[in-house]
Amino acid sequence: MNDAALRSDTQDIVVDEVFPHSPEAIWKTLTTASLMGRWLMVPAGFEPAEGKHFTYQTTPAGAWDGTIHCQVLEVKPYERFAYSWRGGHEGNVGYGSQLDTVVTFILSKVENGTRLRLVHSGFVLPKNDTAFEKMSEGWKKVVPNIGAIVEGKD
C-alpha cells in the first residue's frame, strides 16, 4: 500500500453495486483488458498478475502527459483485485495535480448475485480536491456499466 493511502488526511471514494451475476462473471469483466476498456479505459500492458505494471491514457493537463501509471497489488480471484493509480504532476493545480492512490475491487457473493465494492483510496485533500470530485462522479457512472458488459448489452 502506498504512503498516501495510510495517512489520516486522505479521503476514499466508495461505490457499492449489486449485480445479478456470478462473482466469476464480474471478475472476468474487471480483469480482462478488452472488457476493462469497454467500461473504464483501455489499459496498456495489463495482466491480472501481482506486480504487473500497466497504464491508462487520459486527457493531458499542464506538465502531465495524461498517463496513469498502475501496478497490480493484489489478485484474489473472484474476491479481491487492487492496483495502484498514479498520475498528474506536482506542478499542476486542480486537474492533473499529482495523485498517488489505490483502486480496490471487493467481490462478495450475495443471494441474487454479486456485491461489488469499489474503494479508490488515498486522495490527499485539498491537493486532490478536483480529482476526488471528478472521480467520485466518474466511478458512480462507470461501475454500474459493468453489469451491461457482463450481459453483452454495452
C-alpha atoms as a PDB file:
ATOM      1  CA  MET A   1       0.000   0.000   0.000  1.00  0.00           C
ATOM      2  CA  ASN A   2       1.252   3.497  -0.719  1.00  0.00           C
ATOM      3  CA  ASP A   3       2.005   6.131   1.914  1.00  0.00           C
ATOM      4  CA  ALA A   4      -0.902   8.382   0.879  1.00  0.00           C
ATOM      5  CA  ALA A   5      -3.454   5.637   1.487  1.00  0.00           C
ATOM      6  CA  LEU A   6      -2.181   5.221   5.053  1.00  0.00           C
ATOM      7  CA  ARG A   7      -2.329   8.885   6.105  1.00  0.00           C
ATOM      8  CA  SER A   8      -5.307  10.215   8.013  1.00  0.00           C
ATOM      9  CA  ASP A   9      -5.666  13.316   5.807  1.00  0.00           C
ATOM     10  CA  THR A  10      -6.890  11.232   2.886  1.00  0.00           C
ATOM     11  CA  GLN A  11     -10.346  10.565   1.506  1.00  0.00           C
ATOM     12  CA  ASP A  12     -11.741   7.485  -0.204  1.00  0.00           C
ATOM     13  CA  ILE A  13     -14.317   7.058  -2.938  1.00  0.00           C
ATOM     14  CA  VAL A  14     -16.610   4.111  -2.246  1.00  0.00           C
ATOM     15  CA  VAL A  15     -19.157   2.704  -4.693  1.00  0.00           C
ATOM     16  CA  ASP A  16     -21.307  -0.333  -3.841  1.00  0.00           C
ATOM     17  CA  GLU A  17     -23.301  -2.122  -6.512  1.00  0.00           C
ATOM     18  CA  VAL A  18     -25.104  -5.470  -6.570  1.00  0.00           C
ATOM     19  CA  PHE A  19     -25.203  -7.290  -9.885  1.00  0.00           C
ATOM     20  CA  PRO A  20     -27.373 -10.306 -10.789  1.00  0.00           C
ATOM     21  CA  HIS A  21     -24.269 -12.133 -11.999  1.00  0.00           C
ATOM     22  CA  SER A  22     -21.816 -14.623 -10.537  1.00  0.00           C
ATOM     23  CA  PRO A  23     -18.545 -13.434  -8.968  1.00  0.00           C
ATOM     24  CA  GLU A  24     -16.770 -15.239 -11.832  1.00  0.00           C
ATOM     25  CA  ALA A  25     -18.585 -13.149 -14.467  1.00  0.00           C
ATOM     26  CA  ILE A  26     -17.915  -9.879 -12.633  1.00  0.00           C
ATOM     27  CA  TRP A  27     -14.278 -10.883 -12.079  1.00  0.00           C
ATOM     28  CA  LYS A  28     -13.792 -11.514 -15.791  1.00  0.00           C
ATOM     29  CA  THR A  29     -15.124  -8.025 -16.602  1.00  0.00           C
ATOM     30  CA  LEU A  30     -12.804  -6.450 -14.015  1.00  0.00           C
ATOM     31  CA  THR A  31      -9.659  -8.332 -15.054  1.00  0.00           C
ATOM     32  CA  THR A  32      -9.809  -8.748 -18.843  1.00  0.00           C
ATOM     33  CA  ALA A  33      -8.117  -5.867 -20.679  1.00  0.00           C
ATOM     34  CA  SER A  34     -10.557  -5.767 -23.605  1.00  0.00           C
ATOM     35  CA  LEU A  35     -13.551  -5.740 -21.231  1.00  0.00           C
ATOM     36  CA  MET A  36     -11.952  -3.110 -18.948  1.00  0.00           C
ATOM     37  CA  GLY A  37     -11.663  -0.879 -21.999  1.00  0.00           C
ATOM     38  CA  ARG A  38     -15.428  -1.095 -22.535  1.00  0.00           C
ATOM     39  CA  TRP A  39     -16.433   0.160 -19.095  1.00  0.00           C
ATOM     40  CA  LEU A  40     -13.431   2.238 -17.947  1.00  0.00           C
ATOM     41  CA  MET A  41     -10.412   2.872 -20.185  1.00  0.00           C
ATOM     42  CA  VAL A  42      -8.288   0.627 -22.367  1.00  0.00           C
ATOM     43  CA  PRO A  43      -5.258  -0.442 -20.308  1.00  0.00           C
ATOM     44  CA  ALA A  44      -1.861  -0.806 -21.988  1.00  0.00           C
ATOM     45  CA  GLY A  45       0.238  -3.769 -20.844  1.00  0.00           C
ATOM     46  CA  PHE A  46      -2.361  -5.101 -18.412  1.00  0.00           C
ATOM     47  CA  GLU A  47      -2.347  -8.600 -16.942  1.00  0.00           C
ATOM     48  CA  PRO A  48      -4.100  -9.565 -13.681  1.00  0.00           C
ATOM     49  CA  ALA A  49      -0.826 -10.619 -12.047  1.00  0.00           C
ATOM     50  CA  GLU A  50       0.614  -9.159  -8.846  1.00  0.00           C
ATOM     51  CA  GLY A  51       3.492  -6.813  -9.581  1.00  0.00           C
ATOM     52  CA  LYS A  52       2.457  -6.219 -13.209  1.00  0.00           C
ATOM     53  CA  HIS A  53       2.759  -2.591 -14.370  1.00  0.00           C
ATOM     54  CA  PHE A  54       0.261  -1.102 -16.832  1.00  0.00           C
ATOM     55  CA  THR A  55      -1.040   2.303 -17.888  1.00  0.00           C
ATOM     56  CA  TYR A  56      -4.214   4.120 -18.830  1.00  0.00           C
ATOM     57  CA  GLN A  57      -4.201   7.221 -21.018  1.00  0.00           C
ATOM     58  CA  THR A  58      -6.456  10.200 -20.348  1.00  0.00           C
ATOM     59  CA  THR A  59      -6.542  13.919 -21.186  1.00  0.00           C
ATOM     60  CA  PRO A  60      -3.179  15.637 -20.539  1.00  0.00           C
ATOM     61  CA  ALA A  61      -3.012  18.776 -18.385  1.00  0.00           C
ATOM     62  CA  GLY A  62      -0.135  21.228 -17.966  1.00  0.00           C
ATOM     63  CA  ALA A  63       3.089  19.350 -17.269  1.00  0.00           C
ATOM     64  CA  TRP A  64       1.249  15.998 -17.063  1.00  0.00           C
ATOM     65  CA  ASP A  65       1.072  13.869 -20.213  1.00  0.00           C
ATOM     66  CA  GLY A  66      -2.202  12.187 -19.163  1.00  0.00           C
ATOM     67  CA  THR A  67      -0.618   8.808 -18.382  1.00  0.00           C
ATOM     68  CA  ILE A  68      -1.964   6.986 -15.338  1.00  0.00           C
ATOM     69  CA  HIS A  69       0.672   4.559 -14.049  1.00  0.00           C
ATOM     70  CA  CYS A  70      -0.688   1.458 -12.338  1.00  0.00           C
ATOM     71  CA  GLN A  71       0.719  -1.628 -10.694  1.00  0.00           C
ATOM     72  CA  VAL A  72      -1.301  -4.684  -9.727  1.00  0.00           C
ATOM     73  CA  LEU A  73      -1.039  -5.020  -5.936  1.00  0.00           C
ATOM     74  CA  GLU A  74      -3.417  -7.878  -5.122  1.00  0.00           C
ATOM     75  CA  VAL A  75      -5.183 -10.629  -7.053  1.00  0.00           C
ATOM     76  CA  LYS A  76      -7.528 -12.986  -5.204  1.00  0.00           C
ATOM     77  CA  PRO A  77      -9.709 -14.485  -7.943  1.00  0.00           C
ATOM     78  CA  TYR A  78     -13.434 -13.837  -7.541  1.00  0.00           C
ATOM     79  CA  GLU A  79     -12.802 -11.947  -4.260  1.00  0.00           C
ATOM     80  CA  ARG A  80     -10.380  -9.021  -4.411  1.00  0.00           C
ATOM     81  CA  PHE A  81      -8.412  -7.086  -7.032  1.00  0.00           C
ATOM     82  CA  ALA A  82      -6.300  -3.992  -6.279  1.00  0.00           C
ATOM     83  CA  TYR A  83      -3.879  -1.761  -8.154  1.00  0.00           C
ATOM     84  CA  SER A  84      -2.060   1.499  -7.619  1.00  0.00           C
ATOM     85  CA  TRP A  85      -3.239   4.532  -9.610  1.00  0.00           C
ATOM     86  CA  ARG A  86      -0.622   7.271 -10.005  1.00  0.00           C
ATOM     87  CA  GLY A  87      -0.662  10.261 -12.262  1.00  0.00           C
ATOM     88  CA  GLY A  88      -0.504  14.003 -12.529  1.00  0.00           C
ATOM     89  CA  HIS A  89       2.392  16.338 -11.958  1.00  0.00           C
ATOM     90  CA  GLU A  90       3.489  18.189  -8.822  1.00  0.00           C
ATOM     91  CA  GLY A  91       3.454  21.479 -10.757  1.00  0.00           C
ATOM     92  CA  ASN A  92      -0.246  21.202 -11.613  1.00  0.00           C
ATOM     93  CA  VAL A  93      -3.091  22.572  -9.526  1.00  0.00           C
ATOM     94  CA  GLY A  94      -6.599  21.180  -9.914  1.00  0.00           C
ATOM     95  CA  TYR A  95      -6.989  18.733 -12.785  1.00  0.00           C
ATOM     96  CA  GLY A  96      -3.699  16.951 -13.355  1.00  0.00           C
ATOM     97  CA  SER A  97      -2.297  17.543  -9.869  1.00  0.00           C
ATOM     98  CA  GLN A  98      -0.101  14.742  -8.563  1.00  0.00           C
ATOM     99  CA  LEU A  99      -2.116  11.708  -7.466  1.00  0.00           C
ATOM    100  CA  ASP A 100      -0.941   8.550  -5.667  1.00  0.00           C
ATOM    101  CA  THR A 101      -3.907   6.305  -4.879  1.00  0.00           C
ATOM    102  CA  VAL A 102      -5.101   2.685  -4.785  1.00  0.00           C
ATOM    103  CA  VAL A 103      -8.144   1.177  -6.515  1.00  0.00           C
ATOM    104  CA  THR A 104      -9.601  -1.931  -4.851  1.00  0.00           C
ATOM    105  CA  PHE A 105     -12.488  -4.077  -6.050  1.00  0.00           C
ATOM    106  CA  ILE A 106     -14.046  -6.386  -3.453  1.00  0.00           C
ATOM    107  CA  LEU A 107     -16.485  -9.040  -4.635  1.00  0.00           C
ATOM    108  CA  SER A 108     -18.819 -10.959  -2.354  1.00  0.00           C
ATOM    109  CA  LYS A 109     -21.485 -13.473  -3.266  1.00  0.00           C
ATOM    110  CA  VAL A 110     -24.984 -12.419  -2.242  1.00  0.00           C
ATOM    111  CA  GLU A 111     -28.314 -14.185  -2.569  1.00  0.00           C
ATOM    112  CA  ASN A 112     -29.133 -12.864  -6.042  1.00  0.00           C
ATOM    113  CA  GLY A 113     -25.663 -12.335  -7.482  1.00  0.00           C
ATOM    114  CA  THR A 114     -22.550 -10.417  -6.531  1.00  0.00           C
ATOM    115  CA  ARG A 115     -21.915  -7.301  -4.476  1.00  0.00           C
ATOM    116  CA  LEU A 116     -19.078  -5.256  -5.921  1.00  0.00           C
ATOM    117  CA  ARG A 117     -17.499  -2.668  -3.667  1.00  0.00           C
ATOM    118  CA  LEU A 118     -15.044  -0.277  -5.262  1.00  0.00           C
ATOM    119  CA  VAL A 119     -12.767   1.669  -2.925  1.00  0.00           C
ATOM    120  CA  HIS A 120     -10.483   4.259  -4.525  1.00  0.00           C
ATOM    121  CA  SER A 121      -8.331   5.355  -1.591  1.00  0.00           C
ATOM    122  CA  GLY A 122      -5.628   7.877  -0.828  1.00  0.00           C
ATOM    123  CA  PHE A 123      -6.907  11.219  -2.126  1.00  0.00           C
ATOM    124  CA  VAL A 124      -4.956  13.905  -0.254  1.00  0.00           C
ATOM    125  CA  LEU A 125      -7.198  16.897   0.366  1.00  0.00           C
ATOM    126  CA  PRO A 126      -7.194  19.729  -0.510  1.00  0.00           C
ATOM    127  CA  LYS A 127      -4.456  18.963  -3.076  1.00  0.00           C
ATOM    128  CA  ASN A 128      -6.550  16.278  -4.816  1.00  0.00           C
ATOM    129  CA  ASP A 129      -9.953  18.009  -4.466  1.00  0.00           C
ATOM    130  CA  THR A 130     -10.537  18.181  -8.223  1.00  0.00           C
ATOM    131  CA  ALA A 131      -9.587  14.540  -8.822  1.00  0.00           C
ATOM    132  CA  PHE A 132     -11.668  13.434  -5.840  1.00  0.00           C
ATOM    133  CA  GLU A 133     -14.770  15.283  -7.098  1.00  0.00           C
ATOM    134  CA  LYS A 134     -14.436  14.227 -10.746  1.00  0.00           C
ATOM    135  CA  MET A 135     -13.529  10.630  -9.983  1.00  0.00           C
ATOM    136  CA  SER A 136     -16.325  10.309  -7.398  1.00  0.00           C
ATOM    137  CA  GLU A 137     -18.773  11.234 -10.159  1.00  0.00           C
ATOM    138  CA  GLY A 138     -16.960   9.081 -12.698  1.00  0.00           C
ATOM    139  CA  TRP A 139     -16.821   5.872 -10.661  1.00  0.00           C
ATOM    140  CA  LYS A 140     -20.541   6.220  -9.834  1.00  0.00           C
ATOM    141  CA  LYS A 141     -21.235   6.323 -13.584  1.00  0.00           C
ATOM    142  CA  VAL A 142     -18.904   3.571 -14.809  1.00  0.00           C
ATOM    143  CA  VAL A 143     -19.302   0.897 -12.115  1.00  0.00           C
ATOM    144  CA  PRO A 144     -22.983   0.236 -12.996  1.00  0.00           C
ATOM    145  CA  ASN A 145     -21.875  -0.313 -16.625  1.00  0.00           C
ATOM    146  CA  ILE A 146     -20.059  -3.479 -15.565  1.00  0.00           C
ATOM    147  CA  GLY A 147     -23.410  -5.281 -15.486  1.00  0.00           C
ATOM    148  CA  ALA A 148     -24.162  -4.293 -19.080  1.00  0.00           C
ATOM    149  CA  ILE A 149     -20.756  -5.601 -20.190  1.00  0.00           C
ATOM    150  CA  VAL A 150     -21.397  -8.938 -18.462  1.00  0.00           C
ATOM    151  CA  GLU A 151     -24.791  -9.164 -20.177  1.00  0.00           C
ATOM    152  CA  GLY A 152     -23.291  -8.197 -23.546  1.00  0.00           C
ATOM    153  CA  LYS A 153     -25.567  -5.153 -23.838  1.00  0.00           C
ATOM    154  CA  ASP A 154     -22.939  -2.407 -23.975  1.00  0.00           C
END
